[in-house]
Each structure stands twice: as C-alpha cells, then as structure tokens.
Amino acid sequence: MAGFDDHVRLTETTATAPALATDGAVLHLAWTGTDTRLNTLSSRDGEEFGGKRTWPARSSRQETETTGTGSTSTTTTRIVPLSPALAVSGEDLHLSWTGTDRRLNVWNLARAQEGEQGHEILDETSPHGPALAVRGVETVLAWTGTDRHLNLVTAARGRWGSSWRLDETSDYAPAVGAAGGELALAWTGTDRHINLLWTRDGAWGTPVRLDEKSFDAPALGTVDEALVLAWTGTNRRLNVLTTRPGEARPPAKLEATSPYSPAVCEHDDRLAIAWTGTDGRVNVARLVHQPSA
C-alpha cells in the first residue's frame, strides 16, 4: 500500500467529499459544512492551511422517505449535503456547486474577493454535486442530470456553450479532468463499476469499464501531464490509478479510508489527495511514492 507524507487532519468536518485544486503555488480546498454552507481554505506548502472563508451559498438536497402503510405510515425528511467542485484557470479560482434548488452554480472566487460578482446560475439541474476542470481557456462543467444521464458543457472566456447529454447513466456525480490537452470523464455506473472516457484529438472515444467498483463518485486530477483517477473502494479504502489513453495499470491502494469519494490534484510536483475521514474530519496529504504511469 502507498503511504502518505505531509498528512494534515483538519478540525473542519463535513458529511460529503471535499474538493481540491491548485494554481501551482497555492493549494485550494473546498467543502460543504455540516450547516450546508460552502467553505474554502488554502495552503502554500500543503501542510499549513489558513484564510478560511465561509461563503453564503449552500449546497444540499432534500430527501423524503415514507415507511409503513396507511395510518401507520411515517414520513421523514432529511437534508443531504452535496460536494462542491474547484478548478483553477490562471489567476481565477472557480467554485461550482448544486444549489438547494438543484440548479448548477459557478462562481469565480477571485473576482468575489475583489468585490466583483463573477457568479453564474445555470439553467441545468442535478441531484448531485457537479465536476469542474480547466483545459486551456476552456472551463468544463460535468454533472448527472435528474434523469441520471451524464452531461457536459464548456465555457470559453466566460461564455457557456450548449450542453451535451451522454447516453451513459450514473447514480452519483461524475468526475472531469484534463491532461495533455485531452479531456477525460469518469463515473460510477449503475452496476457500481468505474468507467473512463477520453478524448483523442478532441473527439470522444469509447468508454472503458474498469474492474474496480465503488459506492460513490470517482475523482480525476493530473500529475506530470498524466491522468490520475481516484475512488473509494467498496471496502472504503482509497485507491489511486495513474493512466493515459489506452493504458490500464493496477491501482495503488492507500492506507486511508473514507465513506465518500476523494479529491486529487498535483501540487509542488507531487500528487495531493483530500478525503473525509470516517470521523467526518477533512484530511489532506501527499503521496510518498507516486503511482507509476
């Protein structure tokens, strides 16, 4: 099993997966608090985190369950927090989330900190959190629709294009990433198998169904311009796989466990990973040995 270095166990708690992104110099962390409000922290060395901001936005969905029948039936309602997404483009830090009305939001936090609006509410809706990535000048947003189909939309210089609805379906959020000029989309299928879809020269290929399974969404990041796929296994153990189009290698099983999906990105030439521990506390670490690509 691969070990960790610079492991930080924060006092912050959440009941869903965190998000992670870097601009090369600063590592950014986002999570939905137990009050469903969005929060961010940052770190230059991956160890000391500070500058916490609690934003006014909330991300959650309401679930209603009825048990029993007739006069003995009981209806209970619970609030389920949803995971945010982070991506960095130049000096811009983009935060995306699903609002309490299920509409997708994208907010440029760099503009918000300078007093500008930078907040867009899209028409698209989802019962899960979104996924976010940057490729060149494009911002890529992915989500699972209310019909369980996967969807993608891109924005170039702030202008969103037409969304693309895929044939593939999932009961969880997807993951989207960019590596070597190509895009990748990952998701957990309705059979619990993890799937991966690449572009080649800008055109989408054929989905690859992996042997690995999960009960949650996967995560995508990059390291050394290779794609990093991470997920929480059915035994709650974190797994990391570094790959390129046409390659399939055994995953590295990590020491940590989580009830939710992890988040990954490259920081300071090493793979950083964030996850929610079984105690609900947010963890951030970097791998001692990178999984080989």
C-alpha atoms as a PDB file:
ATOM      1  CA  MET A   1       0.000   0.000   0.000  1.00  0.00           C
ATOM      2  CA  ALA A   2       1.154   3.523  -0.760  1.00  0.00           C
ATOM      3  CA  GLY A   3       1.910   5.731   2.232  1.00  0.00           C
ATOM      4  CA  PHE A   4       1.344   9.409   2.920  1.00  0.00           C
ATOM      5  CA  ASP A   5       3.642  12.328   3.592  1.00  0.00           C
ATOM      6  CA  ASP A   6       2.641  15.761   4.929  1.00  0.00           C
ATOM      7  CA  HIS A   7      -0.634  14.320   6.223  1.00  0.00           C
ATOM      8  CA  VAL A   8      -2.845  17.022   7.741  1.00  0.00           C
ATOM      9  CA  ARG A   9      -6.020  16.184   9.642  1.00  0.00           C
ATOM     10  CA  LEU A  10      -8.035  19.386   9.851  1.00  0.00           C
ATOM     11  CA  THR A  11     -10.569  20.290  12.506  1.00  0.00           C
ATOM     12  CA  GLU A  12     -13.103  21.055   9.768  1.00  0.00           C
ATOM     13  CA  THR A  13     -15.891  18.499   9.352  1.00  0.00           C
ATOM     14  CA  THR A  14     -18.214  17.555   6.518  1.00  0.00           C
ATOM     15  CA  ALA A  15     -20.702  14.853   5.598  1.00  0.00           C
ATOM     16  CA  THR A  16     -19.622  14.636   1.958  1.00  0.00           C
ATOM     17  CA  ALA A  17     -16.479  14.718  -0.210  1.00  0.00           C
ATOM     18  CA  PRO A  18     -14.122  17.749  -0.290  1.00  0.00           C
ATOM     19  CA  ALA A  19     -12.736  19.427  -3.431  1.00  0.00           C
ATOM     20  CA  LEU A  20      -9.106  20.216  -4.253  1.00  0.00           C
ATOM     21  CA  ALA A  21      -7.350  22.405  -6.849  1.00  0.00           C
ATOM     22  CA  THR A  22      -4.029  24.199  -7.262  1.00  0.00           C
ATOM     23  CA  ASP A  23      -2.595  27.086  -9.253  1.00  0.00           C
ATOM     24  CA  GLY A  24       0.910  25.643  -8.834  1.00  0.00           C
ATOM     25  CA  ALA A  25       1.798  27.857  -5.889  1.00  0.00           C
ATOM     26  CA  VAL A  26      -1.308  27.609  -3.699  1.00  0.00           C
ATOM     27  CA  LEU A  27      -3.349  24.522  -2.855  1.00  0.00           C
ATOM     28  CA  HIS A  28      -7.059  25.291  -2.507  1.00  0.00           C
ATOM     29  CA  LEU A  29      -9.532  23.190  -0.528  1.00  0.00           C
ATOM     30  CA  ALA A  30     -13.336  23.448  -0.503  1.00  0.00           C
ATOM     31  CA  TRP A  31     -16.019  21.573   1.376  1.00  0.00           C
ATOM     32  CA  THR A  32     -19.676  21.753   2.351  1.00  0.00           C
ATOM     33  CA  GLY A  33     -20.002  22.250   6.087  1.00  0.00           C
ATOM     34  CA  THR A  34     -22.420  20.414   8.323  1.00  0.00           C
ATOM     35  CA  ASP A  35     -24.625  23.522   8.034  1.00  0.00           C
ATOM     36  CA  THR A  36     -24.531  23.008   4.191  1.00  0.00           C
ATOM     37  CA  ARG A  37     -22.623  26.283   3.643  1.00  0.00           C
ATOM     38  CA  LEU A  38     -19.580  26.263   1.358  1.00  0.00           C
ATOM     39  CA  ASN A  39     -16.125  26.809   2.821  1.00  0.00           C
ATOM     40  CA  THR A  40     -12.605  27.294   1.446  1.00  0.00           C
ATOM     41  CA  LEU A  41      -9.081  27.118   2.829  1.00  0.00           C
ATOM     42  CA  SER A  42      -5.682  27.473   1.149  1.00  0.00           C
ATOM     43  CA  SER A  43      -2.082  26.429   1.725  1.00  0.00           C
ATOM     44  CA  ARG A  44       1.249  27.074   0.034  1.00  0.00           C
ATOM     45  CA  ASP A  45       3.096  24.052   1.408  1.00  0.00           C
ATOM     46  CA  GLY A  46       0.225  21.581   1.698  1.00  0.00           C
ATOM     47  CA  GLU A  47       0.645  21.481   5.481  1.00  0.00           C
ATOM     48  CA  GLU A  48      -0.357  24.817   6.969  1.00  0.00           C
ATOM     49  CA  PHE A  49      -3.873  25.796   5.912  1.00  0.00           C
ATOM     50  CA  GLY A  50      -5.382  29.204   6.565  1.00  0.00           C
ATOM     51  CA  GLY A  51      -7.516  32.000   5.196  1.00  0.00           C
ATOM     52  CA  LYS A  52     -10.769  30.194   5.832  1.00  0.00           C
ATOM     53  CA  ARG A  53     -13.790  31.686   4.109  1.00  0.00           C
ATOM     54  CA  THR A  54     -17.362  30.624   4.738  1.00  0.00           C
ATOM     55  CA  TRP A  55     -19.432  31.642   1.732  1.00  0.00           C
ATOM     56  CA  PRO A  56     -23.152  32.492   1.770  1.00  0.00           C
ATOM     57  CA  ALA A  57     -24.019  29.748  -0.732  1.00  0.00           C
ATOM     58  CA  ARG A  58     -25.447  26.421   0.432  1.00  0.00           C
ATOM     59  CA  SER A  59     -25.355  23.063  -1.326  1.00  0.00           C
ATOM     60  CA  SER A  60     -27.767  20.275  -0.403  1.00  0.00           C
ATOM     61  CA  ARG A  61     -30.801  18.320  -1.483  1.00  0.00           C
ATOM     62  CA  GLN A  62     -33.852  17.266   0.444  1.00  0.00           C
ATOM     63  CA  GLU A  63     -34.822  13.595   0.656  1.00  0.00           C
ATOM     64  CA  THR A  64     -38.201  12.366   1.866  1.00  0.00           C
ATOM     65  CA  GLU A  65     -38.814   8.761   2.884  1.00  0.00           C
ATOM     66  CA  THR A  66     -42.089   7.118   3.829  1.00  0.00           C
ATOM     67  CA  THR A  67     -42.154   3.896   5.840  1.00  0.00           C
ATOM     68  CA  GLY A  68     -45.165   1.735   6.641  1.00  0.00           C
ATOM     69  CA  THR A  69     -48.595   1.905   5.014  1.00  0.00           C
ATOM     70  CA  GLY A  70     -51.930   3.549   5.684  1.00  0.00           C
ATOM     71  CA  SER A  71     -52.479   5.070   9.107  1.00  0.00           C
ATOM     72  CA  THR A  72     -49.210   3.589  10.390  1.00  0.00           C
ATOM     73  CA  SER A  73     -47.037   5.242   7.740  1.00  0.00           C
ATOM     74  CA  THR A  74     -44.359   7.715   8.809  1.00  0.00           C
ATOM     75  CA  THR A  75     -42.706  10.315   6.591  1.00  0.00           C
ATOM     76  CA  THR A  76     -39.255  11.650   7.424  1.00  0.00           C
ATOM     77  CA  THR A  77     -37.282  14.355   5.639  1.00  0.00           C
ATOM     78  CA  ARG A  78     -33.537  14.803   5.762  1.00  0.00           C
ATOM     79  CA  ILE A  79     -31.113  17.293   4.270  1.00  0.00           C
ATOM     80  CA  VAL A  80     -28.225  15.721   2.326  1.00  0.00           C
ATOM     81  CA  PRO A  81     -25.169  17.973   1.806  1.00  0.00           C
ATOM     82  CA  LEU A  82     -23.599  17.874  -1.677  1.00  0.00           C
ATOM     83  CA  SER A  83     -19.944  18.098  -2.669  1.00  0.00           C
ATOM     84  CA  PRO A  84     -18.588  21.257  -4.339  1.00  0.00           C
ATOM     85  CA  ALA A  85     -16.043  21.375  -7.170  1.00  0.00           C
ATOM     86  CA  LEU A  86     -12.940  23.527  -7.630  1.00  0.00           C
ATOM     87  CA  ALA A  87     -10.779  24.442 -10.640  1.00  0.00           C
ATOM     88  CA  VAL A  88      -8.033  26.991 -11.264  1.00  0.00           C
ATOM     89  CA  SER A  89      -7.529  28.899 -14.513  1.00  0.00           C
ATOM     90  CA  GLY A  90      -4.661  31.379 -14.411  1.00  0.00           C
ATOM     91  CA  GLU A  91      -5.488  33.792 -11.608  1.00  0.00           C
ATOM     92  CA  ASP A  92      -9.110  32.665 -11.429  1.00  0.00           C
ATOM     93  CA  LEU A  93     -10.397  30.211  -8.831  1.00  0.00           C
ATOM     94  CA  HIS A  94     -13.714  28.675  -9.852  1.00  0.00           C
ATOM     95  CA  LEU A  95     -16.062  27.145  -7.304  1.00  0.00           C
ATOM     96  CA  SER A  96     -19.057  25.152  -8.536  1.00  0.00           C
ATOM     97  CA  TRP A  97     -21.933  23.618  -6.604  1.00  0.00           C
ATOM     98  CA  THR A  98     -25.532  22.469  -6.815  1.00  0.00           C
ATOM     99  CA  GLY A  99     -27.858  24.897  -5.077  1.00  0.00           C
ATOM    100  CA  THR A 100     -30.748  23.955  -2.825  1.00  0.00           C
ATOM    101  CA  ASP A 101     -32.974  24.456  -5.894  1.00  0.00           C
ATOM    102  CA  ARG A 102     -30.833  21.848  -7.736  1.00  0.00           C
ATOM    103  CA  ARG A 103     -29.516  24.435 -10.211  1.00  0.00           C
ATOM    104  CA  LEU A 104     -25.808  24.429 -11.008  1.00  0.00           C
ATOM    105  CA  ASN A 105     -23.702  27.390  -9.927  1.00  0.00           C
ATOM    106  CA  VAL A 106     -20.235  28.569 -10.950  1.00  0.00           C
ATOM    107  CA  TRP A 107     -18.537  31.346  -9.004  1.00  0.00           C
ATOM    108  CA  ASN A 108     -15.196  32.967  -9.711  1.00  0.00           C
ATOM    109  CA  LEU A 109     -13.938  33.440  -6.155  1.00  0.00           C
ATOM    110  CA  ALA A 110     -11.006  35.596  -7.263  1.00  0.00           C
ATOM    111  CA  ARG A 111     -13.497  38.151  -8.585  1.00  0.00           C
ATOM    112  CA  ALA A 112     -15.669  37.797  -5.495  1.00  0.00           C
ATOM    113  CA  GLN A 113     -12.721  38.660  -3.257  1.00  0.00           C
ATOM    114  CA  GLU A 114     -12.132  41.777  -5.351  1.00  0.00           C
ATOM    115  CA  GLY A 115     -15.742  42.865  -4.945  1.00  0.00           C
ATOM    116  CA  GLU A 116     -16.965  41.743  -8.367  1.00  0.00           C
ATOM    117  CA  GLN A 117     -19.935  39.437  -8.895  1.00  0.00           C
ATOM    118  CA  GLY A 118     -18.443  36.602 -11.007  1.00  0.00           C
ATOM    119  CA  HIS A 119     -21.370  34.307 -10.070  1.00  0.00           C
ATOM    120  CA  GLU A 120     -23.396  32.427 -12.669  1.00  0.00           C
ATOM    121  CA  ILE A 121     -26.510  30.327 -12.042  1.00  0.00           C
ATOM    122  CA  LEU A 122     -27.090  27.924 -14.911  1.00  0.00           C
ATOM    123  CA  ASP A 123     -30.411  26.511 -16.073  1.00  0.00           C
ATOM    124  CA  GLU A 124     -29.161  22.939 -15.717  1.00  0.00           C
ATOM    125  CA  THR A 125     -30.141  20.942 -12.621  1.00  0.00           C
ATOM    126  CA  SER A 126     -28.763  17.929 -10.766  1.00  0.00           C
ATOM    127  CA  PRO A 127     -29.465  15.957  -7.584  1.00  0.00           C
ATOM    128  CA  HIS A 128     -25.688  15.643  -7.047  1.00  0.00           C
ATOM    129  CA  GLY A 129     -22.681  17.914  -6.881  1.00  0.00           C
ATOM    130  CA  PRO A 130     -21.007  18.931 -10.184  1.00  0.00           C
ATOM    131  CA  ALA A 131     -17.482  18.312 -11.507  1.00  0.00           C
ATOM    132  CA  LEU A 132     -15.215  21.055 -12.810  1.00  0.00           C
ATOM    133  CA  ALA A 133     -11.983  21.185 -14.830  1.00  0.00           C
ATOM    134  CA  VAL A 134      -9.963  23.638 -16.925  1.00  0.00           C
ATOM    135  CA  ARG A 135      -8.394  22.880 -20.314  1.00  0.00           C
ATOM    136  CA  GLY A 136      -6.540  25.823 -21.812  1.00  0.00           C
ATOM    137  CA  VAL A 137      -9.021  28.698 -21.985  1.00  0.00           C
ATOM    138  CA  GLU A 138     -11.993  26.364 -21.518  1.00  0.00           C
ATOM    139  CA  THR A 139     -13.852  25.735 -18.273  1.00  0.00           C
ATOM    140  CA  VAL A 140     -15.543  22.332 -18.336  1.00  0.00           C
ATOM    141  CA  LEU A 141     -18.542  21.509 -16.157  1.00  0.00           C
ATOM    142  CA  ALA A 142     -19.960  17.980 -15.820  1.00  0.00           C
ATOM    143  CA  TRP A 143     -22.967  16.718 -13.901  1.00  0.00           C
ATOM    144  CA  THR A 144     -25.504  13.929 -13.562  1.00  0.00           C
ATOM    145  CA  GLY A 145     -28.938  15.069 -14.634  1.00  0.00           C
ATOM    146  CA  THR A 146     -32.193  14.382 -12.844  1.00  0.00           C
ATOM    147  CA  ASP A 147     -32.705  11.581 -15.410  1.00  0.00           C
ATOM    148  CA  ARG A 148     -29.344  10.055 -14.310  1.00  0.00           C
ATOM    149  CA  HIS A 149     -27.696  10.824 -17.679  1.00  0.00           C
ATOM    150  CA  LEU A 150     -24.240  12.406 -17.680  1.00  0.00           C
ATOM    151  CA  ASN A 151     -23.898  15.904 -19.119  1.00  0.00           C
ATOM    152  CA  LEU A 152     -21.078  18.230 -20.164  1.00  0.00           C
ATOM    153  CA  VAL A 153     -20.872  21.913 -21.031  1.00  0.00           C
ATOM    154  CA  THR A 154     -17.863  24.146 -21.697  1.00  0.00           C
ATOM    155  CA  ALA A 155     -17.282  27.868 -21.374  1.00  0.00           C
ATOM    156  CA  ALA A 156     -14.643  29.802 -23.281  1.00  0.00           C
ATOM    157  CA  ARG A 157     -13.757  33.166 -21.775  1.00  0.00           C
ATOM    158  CA  GLY A 158     -16.903  33.129 -19.658  1.00  0.00           C
ATOM    159  CA  ARG A 159     -19.398  32.202 -22.394  1.00  0.00           C
ATOM    160  CA  TRP A 160     -21.161  28.893 -21.870  1.00  0.00           C
ATOM    161  CA  GLY A 161     -21.971  26.795 -24.928  1.00  0.00           C
ATOM    162  CA  SER A 162     -24.641  24.181 -25.493  1.00  0.00           C
ATOM    163  CA  SER A 163     -24.670  21.225 -23.120  1.00  0.00           C
ATOM    164  CA  TRP A 164     -24.048  17.665 -24.290  1.00  0.00           C
ATOM    165  CA  ARG A 165     -26.149  14.818 -22.854  1.00  0.00           C
ATOM    166  CA  LEU A 166     -24.385  11.446 -22.903  1.00  0.00           C
ATOM    167  CA  ASP A 167     -26.028   8.041 -23.205  1.00  0.00           C
ATOM    168  CA  GLU A 168     -24.254   6.877 -20.045  1.00  0.00           C
ATOM    169  CA  THR A 169     -26.020   6.995 -16.684  1.00  0.00           C
ATOM    170  CA  SER A 170     -24.985   7.055 -13.038  1.00  0.00           C
ATOM    171  CA  ASP A 171     -26.470   7.318  -9.566  1.00  0.00           C
ATOM    172  CA  TYR A 172     -23.610   9.590  -8.496  1.00  0.00           C
ATOM    173  CA  ALA A 173     -21.781  12.687  -9.645  1.00  0.00           C
ATOM    174  CA  PRO A 174     -19.218  12.294 -12.456  1.00  0.00           C
ATOM    175  CA  ALA A 175     -15.610  13.487 -12.470  1.00  0.00           C
ATOM    176  CA  VAL A 176     -13.954  15.511 -15.221  1.00  0.00           C
ATOM    177  CA  GLY A 177     -10.283  16.224 -15.830  1.00  0.00           C
ATOM    178  CA  ALA A 178      -7.821  17.498 -18.431  1.00  0.00           C
ATOM    179  CA  ALA A 179      -4.386  16.050 -19.197  1.00  0.00           C
ATOM    180  CA  GLY A 180      -2.060  16.504 -22.157  1.00  0.00           C
ATOM    181  CA  GLY A 181      -4.586  18.688 -23.962  1.00  0.00           C
ATOM    182  CA  GLU A 182      -7.272  15.992 -23.769  1.00  0.00           C
ATOM    183  CA  LEU A 183     -10.388  15.732 -21.627  1.00  0.00           C
ATOM    184  CA  ALA A 184     -11.473  12.760 -19.549  1.00  0.00           C
ATOM    185  CA  LEU A 185     -14.756  11.896 -17.894  1.00  0.00           C
ATOM    186  CA  ALA A 186     -15.142   9.255 -15.173  1.00  0.00           C
ATOM    187  CA  TRP A 187     -18.230   7.922 -13.445  1.00  0.00           C
ATOM    188  CA  THR A 188     -19.559   5.044 -11.381  1.00  0.00           C
ATOM    189  CA  GLY A 189     -22.005   3.043 -13.462  1.00  0.00           C
ATOM    190  CA  THR A 190     -25.327   1.742 -12.238  1.00  0.00           C
ATOM    191  CA  ASP A 191     -23.546  -1.635 -11.868  1.00  0.00           C
ATOM    192  CA  ARG A 192     -21.061   0.102  -9.476  1.00  0.00           C
ATOM    193  CA  HIS A 193     -18.150  -0.327 -11.929  1.00  0.00           C
ATOM    194  CA  ILE A 194     -15.982   2.718 -12.602  1.00  0.00           C
ATOM    195  CA  ASN A 195     -15.919   3.935 -16.199  1.00  0.00           C
ATOM    196  CA  LEU A 196     -13.479   6.196 -18.023  1.00  0.00           C
ATOM    197  CA  LEU A 197     -13.959   8.125 -21.275  1.00  0.00           C
ATOM    198  CA  TRP A 198     -11.163  10.045 -23.069  1.00  0.00           C
ATOM    199  CA  THR A 199     -10.995  12.446 -25.955  1.00  0.00           C
ATOM    200  CA  ARG A 200      -8.392  11.869 -28.653  1.00  0.00           C
ATOM    201  CA  ASP A 201      -7.555  14.876 -30.787  1.00  0.00           C
ATOM    202  CA  GLY A 202     -10.665  16.490 -29.369  1.00  0.00           C
ATOM    203  CA  ALA A 203     -13.063  13.667 -30.265  1.00  0.00           C
ATOM    204  CA  TRP A 204     -14.596  11.420 -27.625  1.00  0.00           C
ATOM    205  CA  GLY A 205     -13.679   7.757 -27.815  1.00  0.00           C
ATOM    206  CA  THR A 206     -15.349   4.642 -26.441  1.00  0.00           C
ATOM    207  CA  PRO A 207     -15.963   4.303 -22.683  1.00  0.00           C
ATOM    208  CA  VAL A 208     -13.745   1.864 -20.796  1.00  0.00           C
ATOM    209  CA  ARG A 209     -15.395  -0.113 -17.988  1.00  0.00           C
ATOM    210  CA  LEU A 210     -12.876  -0.915 -15.247  1.00  0.00           C
ATOM    211  CA  ASP A 211     -12.969  -3.948 -12.979  1.00  0.00           C
ATOM    212  CA  GLU A 212     -12.904  -1.684  -9.922  1.00  0.00           C
ATOM    213  CA  LYS A 213     -16.128  -0.806  -8.118  1.00  0.00           C
ATOM    214  CA  SER A 214     -17.297   1.984  -5.842  1.00  0.00           C
ATOM    215  CA  PHE A 215     -20.388   3.123  -3.980  1.00  0.00           C
ATOM    216  CA  ASP A 216     -19.629   6.788  -4.710  1.00  0.00           C
ATOM    217  CA  ALA A 217     -18.315   9.149  -7.374  1.00  0.00           C
ATOM    218  CA  PRO A 218     -14.714   8.872  -8.638  1.00  0.00           C
ATOM    219  CA  ALA A 219     -12.275  11.796  -8.825  1.00  0.00           C
ATOM    220  CA  LEU A 220      -9.909  12.978 -11.563  1.00  0.00           C
ATOM    221  CA  GLY A 221      -6.710  15.013 -11.467  1.00  0.00           C
ATOM    222  CA  THR A 222      -3.373  15.214 -13.256  1.00  0.00           C
ATOM    223  CA  VAL A 223       0.275  14.674 -12.364  1.00  0.00           C
ATOM    224  CA  ASP A 224       3.168  15.012 -14.827  1.00  0.00           C
ATOM    225  CA  GLU A 225       0.510  15.553 -17.537  1.00  0.00           C
ATOM    226  CA  ALA A 226      -0.895  12.078 -16.886  1.00  0.00           C
ATOM    227  CA  LEU A 227      -4.435  11.492 -15.686  1.00  0.00           C
ATOM    228  CA  VAL A 228      -4.998  10.438 -12.077  1.00  0.00           C
ATOM    229  CA  LEU A 229      -8.168   8.525 -11.281  1.00  0.00           C
ATOM    230  CA  ALA A 230      -9.069   8.109  -7.602  1.00  0.00           C
ATOM    231  CA  TRP A 231     -12.003   6.477  -5.852  1.00  0.00           C
ATOM    232  CA  THR A 232     -13.206   4.954  -2.604  1.00  0.00           C
ATOM    233  CA  GLY A 233     -13.474   1.197  -2.917  1.00  0.00           C
ATOM    234  CA  THR A 234     -16.387  -0.875  -1.686  1.00  0.00           C
ATOM    235  CA  ASN A 235     -14.262  -1.573   1.406  1.00  0.00           C
ATOM    236  CA  ARG A 236     -13.973   2.219   1.989  1.00  0.00           C
ATOM    237  CA  ARG A 237     -10.244   2.192   1.194  1.00  0.00           C
ATOM    238  CA  LEU A 238      -8.902   4.941  -1.096  1.00  0.00           C
ATOM    239  CA  ASN A 239      -7.438   3.913  -4.462  1.00  0.00           C
ATOM    240  CA  VAL A 240      -5.335   5.853  -6.981  1.00  0.00           C
ATOM    241  CA  LEU A 241      -4.613   4.946 -10.604  1.00  0.00           C
ATOM    242  CA  THR A 242      -2.392   6.948 -12.969  1.00  0.00           C
ATOM    243  CA  THR A 243      -3.164   6.342 -16.623  1.00  0.00           C
ATOM    244  CA  ARG A 244      -3.033   7.613 -20.193  1.00  0.00           C
ATOM    245  CA  PRO A 245      -5.301   6.806 -23.141  1.00  0.00           C
ATOM    246  CA  GLY A 246      -5.053   3.113 -23.990  1.00  0.00           C
ATOM    247  CA  GLU A 247      -3.235   2.237 -20.750  1.00  0.00           C
ATOM    248  CA  ALA A 248      -4.567   0.214 -17.830  1.00  0.00           C
ATOM    249  CA  ARG A 249      -2.447  -0.376 -14.722  1.00  0.00           C
ATOM    250  CA  PRO A 250      -3.255  -1.822 -11.289  1.00  0.00           C
ATOM    251  CA  PRO A 251      -4.331   0.849  -8.792  1.00  0.00           C
ATOM    252  CA  ALA A 252      -2.356   1.813  -5.704  1.00  0.00           C
ATOM    253  CA  LYS A 253      -4.332   1.091  -2.556  1.00  0.00           C
ATOM    254  CA  LEU A 254      -3.856   3.761   0.088  1.00  0.00           C
ATOM    255  CA  GLU A 255      -3.873   3.415   3.867  1.00  0.00           C
ATOM    256  CA  ALA A 256      -6.791   5.789   4.447  1.00  0.00           C
ATOM    257  CA  THR A 257     -10.491   5.011   4.467  1.00  0.00           C
ATOM    258  CA  SER A 258     -13.483   7.231   3.801  1.00  0.00           C
ATOM    259  CA  PRO A 259     -17.267   6.962   3.466  1.00  0.00           C
ATOM    260  CA  TYR A 260     -17.107   9.377   0.499  1.00  0.00           C
ATOM    261  CA  SER A 261     -15.083   9.946  -2.656  1.00  0.00           C
ATOM    262  CA  PRO A 262     -11.631  11.614  -2.503  1.00  0.00           C
ATOM    263  CA  ALA A 263     -10.277  14.617  -4.438  1.00  0.00           C
ATOM    264  CA  VAL A 264      -6.878  14.757  -6.184  1.00  0.00           C
ATOM    265  CA  CYS A 265      -4.616  17.277  -7.906  1.00  0.00           C
ATOM    266  CA  GLU A 266      -0.921  17.935  -8.477  1.00  0.00           C
ATOM    267  CA  HIS A 267       0.791  20.346  -6.109  1.00  0.00           C
ATOM    268  CA  ASP A 268       4.502  21.099  -5.845  1.00  0.00           C
ATOM    269  CA  ASP A 269       5.226  18.284  -8.352  1.00  0.00           C
ATOM    270  CA  ARG A 270       3.514  15.699  -6.171  1.00  0.00           C
ATOM    271  CA  LEU A 271       0.058  14.183  -6.008  1.00  0.00           C
ATOM    272  CA  ALA A 272      -2.125  15.771  -3.329  1.00  0.00           C
ATOM    273  CA  ILE A 273      -5.222  13.964  -2.126  1.00  0.00           C
ATOM    274  CA  ALA A 274      -8.049  15.112   0.136  1.00  0.00           C
ATOM    275  CA  TRP A 275     -10.719  12.994   1.780  1.00  0.00           C
ATOM    276  CA  THR A 276     -13.262  12.944   4.569  1.00  0.00           C
ATOM    277  CA  GLY A 277     -12.305  10.577   7.359  1.00  0.00           C
ATOM    278  CA  THR A 278     -14.714   8.170   8.992  1.00  0.00           C
ATOM    279  CA  ASP A 279     -14.919  10.724  11.827  1.00  0.00           C
ATOM    280  CA  GLY A 280     -16.115  13.405   9.390  1.00  0.00           C
ATOM    281  CA  ARG A 281     -12.884  15.422   9.546  1.00  0.00           C
ATOM    282  CA  VAL A 282     -11.227  16.663   6.354  1.00  0.00           C
ATOM    283  CA  ASN A 283      -7.769  15.247   5.577  1.00  0.00           C
ATOM    284  CA  VAL A 284      -5.125  16.393   3.093  1.00  0.00           C
ATOM    285  CA  ALA A 285      -1.920  14.525   2.247  1.00  0.00           C
ATOM    286  CA  ARG A 286       0.625  13.951  -0.488  1.00  0.00           C
ATOM    287  CA  LEU A 287       1.826  10.553  -1.657  1.00  0.00           C
ATOM    288  CA  VAL A 288       5.292   9.374  -0.652  1.00  0.00           C
ATOM    289  CA  HIS A 289       5.570   7.356  -3.860  1.00  0.00           C
ATOM    290  CA  GLN A 290       3.660   8.342  -6.950  1.00  0.00           C
ATOM    291  CA  PRO A 291       1.747   5.567  -8.719  1.00  0.00           C
ATOM    292  CA  SER A 292       3.661   4.918 -11.947  1.00  0.00           C
ATOM    293  CA  ALA A 293       2.062   5.924 -15.249  1.00  0.00           C
END
